[in-house]
Amino acid sequence: MGRYTGPSNRLARREGVNLMLKPVRDETGKNPLEREYKNYPPGMHPFRRGKSSAYGVRLREKQKVKRHYGLLDKQFMRYYAQAEKSTKNTGIALLELLERRLDNAVYKSRLIAGRRGARQAIVHGHILVNGRKVDRPSYLIEVGDVITIHPRERSQNYSRAQMAILEGVPNPPAQGWLEVDVAKLTAKVVALPAREDVLIPVEEQMIVEFCSR
């Protein structure tokens, strides 16, 4: 199955949480979760659904994180397998790995508007890491990495136009693990992201219980 290309806010409605898939739209008050219009799960007869089972609650936590980072199931489970090998708590290690994705770092540096936009910019070759083009959104950043916009005029203009869209938008907030130079369109990784840097409410232990069943 390919990547989901339907309405982004439908996913947020299903999880009942603002997944920050459209940061600019969210700030204009158009997110259906913050209004009386469609602030309920999608589908027919949503109000007739019964209480979720223990399995369903854990599934929703996993789906929430997967959709927030824009992953497929296979990709998510690869990160989970990697987190299981860590000496840290598996749930925390999983979230820290997801935060280290290049598309997440570009999104949180505010050099490009939105996580989906960051992924597109990377694939189209607008992003350099330590002076080299990296076209894989899943690339894991390390401390000391310098993320820059390609020096060609087209990429520079594209990034500045994206940053203009984010003016007055507080999400995503400034990140302590990134040093961003707006003038030079660069972001340096000064520390690895931690569990506290995840922007949505997550019960990571439920994800571990779901994936290890």
C-alpha atoms as a PDB file:
ATOM      1  CA  MET A   1       0.000   0.000   0.000  1.00  0.00           C
ATOM      2  CA  GLY A   2       1.372   3.447  -0.899  1.00  0.00           C
ATOM      3  CA  ARG A   3       1.554   6.613   1.143  1.00  0.00           C
ATOM      4  CA  TYR A   4      -1.687   8.216   2.291  1.00  0.00           C
ATOM      5  CA  THR A   5      -2.618  11.122   0.007  1.00  0.00           C
ATOM      6  CA  GLY A   6      -6.075  11.975   1.350  1.00  0.00           C
ATOM      7  CA  PRO A   7      -7.147  14.884   3.582  1.00  0.00           C
ATOM      8  CA  SER A   8      -4.618  15.448   6.378  1.00  0.00           C
ATOM      9  CA  ASN A   9      -7.173  16.644   8.898  1.00  0.00           C
ATOM     10  CA  ARG A  10      -9.129  13.421   8.487  1.00  0.00           C
ATOM     11  CA  LEU A  11      -6.217  11.650  10.195  1.00  0.00           C
ATOM     12  CA  ALA A  12      -6.234  14.173  13.042  1.00  0.00           C
ATOM     13  CA  ARG A  13      -9.984  13.710  13.479  1.00  0.00           C
ATOM     14  CA  ARG A  14      -9.553   9.950  13.651  1.00  0.00           C
ATOM     15  CA  GLU A  15      -6.937  10.206  16.404  1.00  0.00           C
ATOM     16  CA  GLY A  16      -8.717  13.025  18.221  1.00  0.00           C
ATOM     17  CA  VAL A  17      -5.443  14.971  18.466  1.00  0.00           C
ATOM     18  CA  ASN A  18      -3.976  17.813  16.440  1.00  0.00           C
ATOM     19  CA  LEU A  19      -1.177  15.945  14.625  1.00  0.00           C
ATOM     20  CA  MET A  20       0.301  19.234  13.351  1.00  0.00           C
ATOM     21  CA  LEU A  21       0.163  18.044   9.757  1.00  0.00           C
ATOM     22  CA  LYS A  22      -0.817  21.544   8.586  1.00  0.00           C
ATOM     23  CA  PRO A  23       0.816  24.034  10.971  1.00  0.00           C
ATOM     24  CA  VAL A  24      -0.288  27.144   9.082  1.00  0.00           C
ATOM     25  CA  ARG A  25      -3.911  26.013   8.715  1.00  0.00           C
ATOM     26  CA  ASP A  26      -4.012  25.055  12.385  1.00  0.00           C
ATOM     27  CA  GLU A  27      -3.109  28.605  13.400  1.00  0.00           C
ATOM     28  CA  THR A  28      -5.937  30.123  11.341  1.00  0.00           C
ATOM     29  CA  GLY A  29      -8.575  28.333  13.400  1.00  0.00           C
ATOM     30  CA  LYS A  30      -9.502  25.979  10.559  1.00  0.00           C
ATOM     31  CA  ASN A  31      -8.535  22.764  12.307  1.00  0.00           C
ATOM     32  CA  PRO A  32     -11.845  20.871  12.721  1.00  0.00           C
ATOM     33  CA  LEU A  33     -10.779  19.574  16.145  1.00  0.00           C
ATOM     34  CA  GLU A  34     -10.851  23.124  17.490  1.00  0.00           C
ATOM     35  CA  ARG A  35     -14.296  23.906  16.113  1.00  0.00           C
ATOM     36  CA  GLU A  36     -17.762  22.429  16.541  1.00  0.00           C
ATOM     37  CA  TYR A  37     -17.759  21.472  12.857  1.00  0.00           C
ATOM     38  CA  LYS A  38     -16.447  17.936  12.367  1.00  0.00           C
ATOM     39  CA  ASN A  39     -14.642  17.687  15.692  1.00  0.00           C
ATOM     40  CA  TYR A  40     -15.549  13.985  15.786  1.00  0.00           C
ATOM     41  CA  PRO A  41     -14.074  10.860  14.137  1.00  0.00           C
ATOM     42  CA  PRO A  42     -14.653  10.448  10.391  1.00  0.00           C
ATOM     43  CA  GLY A  43     -16.951   7.791   8.985  1.00  0.00           C
ATOM     44  CA  MET A  44     -20.644   6.965   9.174  1.00  0.00           C
ATOM     45  CA  HIS A  45     -22.427   7.117  12.555  1.00  0.00           C
ATOM     46  CA  PRO A  46     -19.357   8.089  14.621  1.00  0.00           C
ATOM     47  CA  PHE A  47     -21.438   8.725  17.742  1.00  0.00           C
ATOM     48  CA  ARG A  48     -22.768   5.150  17.835  1.00  0.00           C
ATOM     49  CA  ARG A  49     -19.374   3.578  18.313  1.00  0.00           C
ATOM     50  CA  GLY A  50     -18.818   1.763  21.574  1.00  0.00           C
ATOM     51  CA  LYS A  51     -15.936   2.050  23.991  1.00  0.00           C
ATOM     52  CA  SER A  52     -12.546   1.057  22.584  1.00  0.00           C
ATOM     53  CA  SER A  53     -10.985  -2.197  23.746  1.00  0.00           C
ATOM     54  CA  ALA A  54      -7.523  -2.358  25.326  1.00  0.00           C
ATOM     55  CA  TYR A  55      -6.194  -3.413  21.929  1.00  0.00           C
ATOM     56  CA  GLY A  56      -7.933  -0.487  20.235  1.00  0.00           C
ATOM     57  CA  VAL A  57      -6.515   2.062  22.689  1.00  0.00           C
ATOM     58  CA  ARG A  58      -2.973   0.806  22.106  1.00  0.00           C
ATOM     59  CA  LEU A  59      -3.498   0.718  18.349  1.00  0.00           C
ATOM     60  CA  ARG A  60      -4.599   4.359  18.380  1.00  0.00           C
ATOM     61  CA  GLU A  61      -1.404   5.402  20.200  1.00  0.00           C
ATOM     62  CA  LYS A  62       0.710   3.632  17.592  1.00  0.00           C
ATOM     63  CA  GLN A  63      -1.295   5.100  14.712  1.00  0.00           C
ATOM     64  CA  LYS A  64      -1.087   8.577  16.243  1.00  0.00           C
ATOM     65  CA  VAL A  65       2.732   8.523  16.286  1.00  0.00           C
ATOM     66  CA  LYS A  66       2.995   6.857  12.886  1.00  0.00           C
ATOM     67  CA  ARG A  67       0.779   9.490  11.274  1.00  0.00           C
ATOM     68  CA  HIS A  68       2.426  12.392  13.078  1.00  0.00           C
ATOM     69  CA  TYR A  69       5.785  11.459  11.535  1.00  0.00           C
ATOM     70  CA  GLY A  70       4.286  10.406   8.197  1.00  0.00           C
ATOM     71  CA  LEU A  71       5.437   6.766   8.222  1.00  0.00           C
ATOM     72  CA  LEU A  72       4.187   3.522   6.759  1.00  0.00           C
ATOM     73  CA  ASP A  73       3.751   0.448   8.982  1.00  0.00           C
ATOM     74  CA  LYS A  74       6.915  -1.241   7.714  1.00  0.00           C
ATOM     75  CA  GLN A  75       8.961   1.880   8.350  1.00  0.00           C
ATOM     76  CA  PHE A  76       7.510   2.273  11.835  1.00  0.00           C
ATOM     77  CA  MET A  77       8.262  -1.333  12.756  1.00  0.00           C
ATOM     78  CA  ARG A  78      11.864  -0.971  11.548  1.00  0.00           C
ATOM     79  CA  TYR A  79      12.306   1.912  13.984  1.00  0.00           C
ATOM     80  CA  TYR A  80      10.687  -0.146  16.715  1.00  0.00           C
ATOM     81  CA  ALA A  81      13.079  -3.065  16.061  1.00  0.00           C
ATOM     82  CA  GLN A  82      15.994  -0.632  16.280  1.00  0.00           C
ATOM     83  CA  ALA A  83      14.648   0.857  19.511  1.00  0.00           C
ATOM     84  CA  GLU A  84      14.348  -2.617  21.055  1.00  0.00           C
ATOM     85  CA  LYS A  85      18.106  -3.045  20.709  1.00  0.00           C
ATOM     86  CA  SER A  86      18.769   0.153  22.651  1.00  0.00           C
ATOM     87  CA  THR A  87      19.813   0.120  26.294  1.00  0.00           C
ATOM     88  CA  LYS A  88      17.215   2.828  26.976  1.00  0.00           C
ATOM     89  CA  ASN A  89      13.520   2.349  27.593  1.00  0.00           C
ATOM     90  CA  THR A  90      12.146   1.037  24.275  1.00  0.00           C
ATOM     91  CA  GLY A  91       9.330   3.567  24.004  1.00  0.00           C
ATOM     92  CA  ILE A  92      11.591   6.548  24.700  1.00  0.00           C
ATOM     93  CA  ALA A  93      14.270   5.218  22.346  1.00  0.00           C
ATOM     94  CA  LEU A  94      11.629   4.860  19.608  1.00  0.00           C
ATOM     95  CA  LEU A  95      10.451   8.462  19.934  1.00  0.00           C
ATOM     96  CA  GLU A  96      14.027   9.775  20.041  1.00  0.00           C
ATOM     97  CA  LEU A  97      14.833   7.880  16.842  1.00  0.00           C
ATOM     98  CA  LEU A  98      11.818   9.360  15.091  1.00  0.00           C
ATOM     99  CA  GLU A  99      12.818  12.843  16.239  1.00  0.00           C
ATOM    100  CA  ARG A 100      16.236  12.340  14.624  1.00  0.00           C
ATOM    101  CA  ARG A 101      14.783  11.915  11.144  1.00  0.00           C
ATOM    102  CA  LEU A 102      16.046  14.552   8.713  1.00  0.00           C
ATOM    103  CA  ASP A 103      12.546  15.599   7.643  1.00  0.00           C
ATOM    104  CA  ASN A 104      11.687  16.212  11.297  1.00  0.00           C
ATOM    105  CA  ALA A 105      14.840  18.289  11.819  1.00  0.00           C
ATOM    106  CA  VAL A 106      14.121  20.398   8.717  1.00  0.00           C
ATOM    107  CA  TYR A 107      10.508  20.878   9.806  1.00  0.00           C
ATOM    108  CA  LYS A 108      11.479  21.905  13.336  1.00  0.00           C
ATOM    109  CA  SER A 109      14.191  24.256  12.096  1.00  0.00           C
ATOM    110  CA  ARG A 110      11.373  26.190  10.359  1.00  0.00           C
ATOM    111  CA  LEU A 111      13.414  26.405   7.150  1.00  0.00           C
ATOM    112  CA  ILE A 112      10.476  24.734   5.380  1.00  0.00           C
ATOM    113  CA  ALA A 113       6.781  24.930   6.301  1.00  0.00           C
ATOM    114  CA  GLY A 114       5.256  21.658   7.464  1.00  0.00           C
ATOM    115  CA  ARG A 115       6.613  18.138   7.809  1.00  0.00           C
ATOM    116  CA  ARG A 116       5.207  17.091   4.443  1.00  0.00           C
ATOM    117  CA  GLY A 117       6.834  20.143   2.858  1.00  0.00           C
ATOM    118  CA  ALA A 118      10.136  19.269   4.528  1.00  0.00           C
ATOM    119  CA  ARG A 119       9.975  15.755   3.115  1.00  0.00           C
ATOM    120  CA  GLN A 120       9.296  17.102  -0.370  1.00  0.00           C
ATOM    121  CA  ALA A 121      12.165  19.609  -0.121  1.00  0.00           C
ATOM    122  CA  ILE A 122      14.571  16.813   0.837  1.00  0.00           C
ATOM    123  CA  VAL A 123      13.489  14.503  -1.985  1.00  0.00           C
ATOM    124  CA  HIS A 124      13.779  17.362  -4.505  1.00  0.00           C
ATOM    125  CA  GLY A 125      17.374  18.036  -3.497  1.00  0.00           C
ATOM    126  CA  HIS A 126      16.921  21.380  -1.717  1.00  0.00           C
ATOM    127  CA  ILE A 127      18.580  20.164   1.520  1.00  0.00           C
ATOM    128  CA  LEU A 128      22.282  19.614   2.257  1.00  0.00           C
ATOM    129  CA  VAL A 129      23.759  17.920   5.326  1.00  0.00           C
ATOM    130  CA  ASN A 130      27.385  18.858   6.004  1.00  0.00           C
ATOM    131  CA  GLY A 131      27.626  20.238   2.480  1.00  0.00           C
ATOM    132  CA  ARG A 132      26.382  17.074   0.776  1.00  0.00           C
ATOM    133  CA  LYS A 133      22.969  16.528  -0.774  1.00  0.00           C
ATOM    134  CA  VAL A 134      20.830  14.077   1.159  1.00  0.00           C
ATOM    135  CA  ASP A 135      17.578  13.056  -0.520  1.00  0.00           C
ATOM    136  CA  ARG A 136      16.385  10.562   2.119  1.00  0.00           C
ATOM    137  CA  PRO A 137      13.874  11.976   4.634  1.00  0.00           C
ATOM    138  CA  SER A 138      14.689   9.026   6.931  1.00  0.00           C
ATOM    139  CA  TYR A 139      18.357  10.032   7.289  1.00  0.00           C
ATOM    140  CA  LEU A 140      19.220  10.130  11.029  1.00  0.00           C
ATOM    141  CA  ILE A 141      20.977  13.317  12.086  1.00  0.00           C
ATOM    142  CA  GLU A 142      23.900  13.336  14.532  1.00  0.00           C
ATOM    143  CA  VAL A 143      25.345  15.958  16.873  1.00  0.00           C
ATOM    144  CA  GLY A 144      27.442  18.398  14.862  1.00  0.00           C
ATOM    145  CA  ASP A 145      25.539  17.949  11.600  1.00  0.00           C
ATOM    146  CA  VAL A 146      24.853  21.180   9.751  1.00  0.00           C
ATOM    147  CA  ILE A 147      21.637  21.291   7.718  1.00  0.00           C
ATOM    148  CA  THR A 148      21.615  23.920   4.974  1.00  0.00           C
ATOM    149  CA  ILE A 149      19.510  24.940   2.023  1.00  0.00           C
ATOM    150  CA  HIS A 150      21.178  24.282  -1.337  1.00  0.00           C
ATOM    151  CA  PRO A 151      23.070  27.435  -2.440  1.00  0.00           C
ATOM    152  CA  ARG A 152      21.378  27.591  -5.839  1.00  0.00           C
ATOM    153  CA  GLU A 153      18.981  30.504  -6.238  1.00  0.00           C
ATOM    154  CA  ARG A 154      15.913  28.336  -6.788  1.00  0.00           C
ATOM    155  CA  SER A 155      16.368  26.512  -3.482  1.00  0.00           C
ATOM    156  CA  GLN A 156      17.176  29.682  -1.566  1.00  0.00           C
ATOM    157  CA  ASN A 157      14.088  31.474  -2.871  1.00  0.00           C
ATOM    158  CA  TYR A 158      11.932  28.446  -2.139  1.00  0.00           C
ATOM    159  CA  SER A 159      13.080  28.273   1.480  1.00  0.00           C
ATOM    160  CA  ARG A 160      12.606  32.002   2.082  1.00  0.00           C
ATOM    161  CA  ALA A 161       9.097  31.796   0.631  1.00  0.00           C
ATOM    162  CA  GLN A 162       8.339  28.881   2.968  1.00  0.00           C
ATOM    163  CA  MET A 163       9.697  30.791   5.962  1.00  0.00           C
ATOM    164  CA  ALA A 164       7.517  33.770   5.057  1.00  0.00           C
ATOM    165  CA  ILE A 165       4.475  31.479   5.305  1.00  0.00           C
ATOM    166  CA  LEU A 166       5.460  30.631   8.894  1.00  0.00           C
ATOM    167  CA  GLU A 167       5.666  34.262  10.056  1.00  0.00           C
ATOM    168  CA  GLY A 168       3.419  34.649  13.084  1.00  0.00           C
ATOM    169  CA  VAL A 169       2.928  30.868  13.395  1.00  0.00           C
ATOM    170  CA  PRO A 170       4.271  29.573  16.757  1.00  0.00           C
ATOM    171  CA  ASN A 171       4.324  25.913  15.713  1.00  0.00           C
ATOM    172  CA  PRO A 172       6.750  24.267  15.671  1.00  0.00           C
ATOM    173  CA  PRO A 173       8.359  26.176  18.567  1.00  0.00           C
ATOM    174  CA  ALA A 174      12.109  26.872  18.693  1.00  0.00           C
ATOM    175  CA  GLN A 175      14.097  23.730  19.487  1.00  0.00           C
ATOM    176  CA  GLY A 176      16.922  23.696  22.027  1.00  0.00           C
ATOM    177  CA  TRP A 177      18.776  21.004  20.100  1.00  0.00           C
ATOM    178  CA  LEU A 178      18.955  23.126  16.922  1.00  0.00           C
ATOM    179  CA  GLU A 179      20.907  26.336  16.330  1.00  0.00           C
ATOM    180  CA  VAL A 180      19.175  28.062  13.431  1.00  0.00           C
ATOM    181  CA  ASP A 181      20.753  30.904  11.429  1.00  0.00           C
ATOM    182  CA  VAL A 182      17.896  32.484   9.500  1.00  0.00           C
ATOM    183  CA  ALA A 183      20.182  34.736   7.466  1.00  0.00           C
ATOM    184  CA  LYS A 184      22.323  31.846   6.235  1.00  0.00           C
ATOM    185  CA  LEU A 185      19.425  29.368   6.077  1.00  0.00           C
ATOM    186  CA  THR A 186      21.290  26.834   8.200  1.00  0.00           C
ATOM    187  CA  ALA A 187      20.504  24.722  11.257  1.00  0.00           C
ATOM    188  CA  LYS A 188      23.216  23.065  13.349  1.00  0.00           C
ATOM    189  CA  VAL A 189      22.441  20.030  15.501  1.00  0.00           C
ATOM    190  CA  VAL A 190      23.939  20.890  18.903  1.00  0.00           C
ATOM    191  CA  ALA A 191      22.347  17.969  20.785  1.00  0.00           C
ATOM    192  CA  LEU A 192      20.255  14.925  20.042  1.00  0.00           C
ATOM    193  CA  PRO A 193      16.487  15.442  20.448  1.00  0.00           C
ATOM    194  CA  ALA A 194      14.967  13.994  23.628  1.00  0.00           C
ATOM    195  CA  ARG A 195      11.592  12.550  24.605  1.00  0.00           C
ATOM    196  CA  GLU A 196      10.446  16.004  25.731  1.00  0.00           C
ATOM    197  CA  ASP A 197      10.800  17.360  22.189  1.00  0.00           C
ATOM    198  CA  VAL A 198       7.830  15.341  20.879  1.00  0.00           C
ATOM    199  CA  LEU A 199       5.066  17.858  20.125  1.00  0.00           C
ATOM    200  CA  ILE A 200       2.001  15.644  20.568  1.00  0.00           C
ATOM    201  CA  PRO A 201       0.764  13.795  23.700  1.00  0.00           C
ATOM    202  CA  VAL A 202       1.962  10.191  23.485  1.00  0.00           C
ATOM    203  CA  GLU A 203       1.773   7.179  25.810  1.00  0.00           C
ATOM    204  CA  GLU A 204       4.854   5.378  24.504  1.00  0.00           C
ATOM    205  CA  GLN A 205       4.424   2.408  26.852  1.00  0.00           C
ATOM    206  CA  MET A 206       1.137   1.570  25.115  1.00  0.00           C
ATOM    207  CA  ILE A 207       2.981   1.512  21.780  1.00  0.00           C
ATOM    208  CA  VAL A 208       5.528  -0.931  23.209  1.00  0.00           C
ATOM    209  CA  GLU A 209       2.735  -3.134  24.557  1.00  0.00           C
ATOM    210  CA  PHE A 210       1.037  -3.103  21.156  1.00  0.00           C
ATOM    211  CA  CYS A 211       4.162  -3.844  19.096  1.00  0.00           C
ATOM    212  CA  SER A 212       5.493  -6.542  21.445  1.00  0.00           C
ATOM    213  CA  ARG A 213       2.257  -8.525  21.657  1.00  0.00           C
END
